[in-house]
Amino acid sequence: MARGQSRSSNTLVVPQASQALDQLKYEVAQELGIQIPQDGYMGYMATRDTGAIGGHITRRLVQIAEQALSGTQGR
């Protein structure tokens, strides 16, 4: 599949979120030292690596939501 395409049937409530999530994916991968292929196709990556990226993205999104709900965003 081409970069930015997905087989997922999930639809984003905010269409602009797709670009932000894609950027977050690359940031997390870089922090973990995982190289994402230039064409964006992750089918040949190890499941362990893709799972690590997804897990860290989820943790980061939960942390962002908790901060937003508690009113301590940016502090």
Protein backbone atom coordinates (compact mmCIF):
# COMPACT_ATOMS: atom_id res chain seq x y z
CA MET A 1 0.00 0.00 0.00
CA ALA A 2 1.11 3.52 -0.64
CA ARG A 3 2.13 5.85 2.12
CA GLY A 4 -0.78 7.26 4.06
CA GLN A 5 -3.21 4.58 2.89
CA SER A 6 -4.68 2.03 5.21
CA ARG A 7 -6.97 -0.96 5.03
CA SER A 8 -8.54 0.14 8.29
CA SER A 9 -12.25 0.84 8.25
CA ASN A 10 -11.85 3.39 11.05
CA THR A 11 -12.80 6.90 10.04
CA LEU A 12 -11.26 9.89 11.72
CA VAL A 13 -13.63 12.38 13.30
CA VAL A 14 -11.17 15.16 12.47
CA PRO A 15 -9.67 14.56 9.00
CA GLN A 16 -6.62 16.72 9.80
CA ALA A 17 -5.73 14.23 12.53
CA SER A 18 -4.37 11.82 9.92
CA GLN A 19 -1.39 14.02 9.19
CA ALA A 20 -0.71 14.62 12.90
CA LEU A 21 -0.88 10.88 13.65
CA ASP A 22 1.46 10.15 10.75
CA GLN A 23 3.95 12.70 12.09
CA LEU A 24 3.65 11.19 15.57
CA LYS A 25 4.37 7.75 14.11
CA TYR A 26 7.66 8.96 12.61
CA GLU A 27 8.64 10.83 15.80
CA VAL A 28 8.05 7.77 17.97
CA ALA A 29 9.90 5.50 15.55
CA GLN A 30 12.87 7.87 15.57
CA GLU A 31 12.88 7.99 19.39
CA LEU A 32 12.88 4.17 19.48
CA GLY A 33 15.61 3.94 16.83
CA ILE A 34 13.34 2.16 14.36
CA GLN A 35 13.72 2.96 10.67
CA ILE A 36 10.44 3.24 8.76
CA PRO A 37 10.82 2.49 5.03
CA GLN A 38 10.82 5.56 2.77
CA ASP A 39 7.80 4.34 0.80
CA GLY A 40 5.76 4.09 4.02
CA TYR A 41 4.98 0.40 3.53
CA MET A 42 5.56 -1.33 6.84
CA GLY A 43 4.62 -4.84 5.69
CA TYR A 44 8.22 -6.02 5.83
CA MET A 45 8.93 -4.61 9.28
CA ALA A 46 9.16 -6.87 12.31
CA THR A 47 5.92 -7.18 14.25
CA ARG A 48 7.83 -6.33 17.41
CA ASP A 49 8.89 -2.97 15.93
CA THR A 50 5.46 -2.00 14.63
CA GLY A 51 3.90 -3.04 17.94
CA ALA A 52 6.40 -0.93 19.85
CA ILE A 53 5.58 2.09 17.69
CA GLY A 54 1.83 1.59 18.15
CA GLY A 55 2.16 1.07 21.89
CA HIS A 56 4.19 4.22 22.37
CA ILE A 57 1.78 6.22 20.21
CA THR A 58 -1.11 5.01 22.37
CA ARG A 59 0.71 5.92 25.58
CA ARG A 60 1.52 9.37 24.20
CA LEU A 61 -2.10 9.99 23.09
CA VAL A 62 -3.42 8.94 26.50
CA GLN A 63 -0.91 11.24 28.19
CA ILE A 64 -1.95 14.15 25.95
CA ALA A 65 -5.64 13.50 26.71
CA GLU A 66 -5.01 13.28 30.46
CA GLN A 67 -3.12 16.58 30.39
CA ALA A 68 -5.90 18.24 28.40
CA LEU A 69 -8.56 16.98 30.81
CA SER A 70 -6.63 18.04 33.89
CA GLY A 71 -5.92 21.48 32.50
CA THR A 72 -2.15 21.15 32.88
CA GLN A 73 -1.35 21.20 29.18
CA GLY A 74 2.02 22.79 28.54
CA ARG A 75 3.01 23.04 32.19
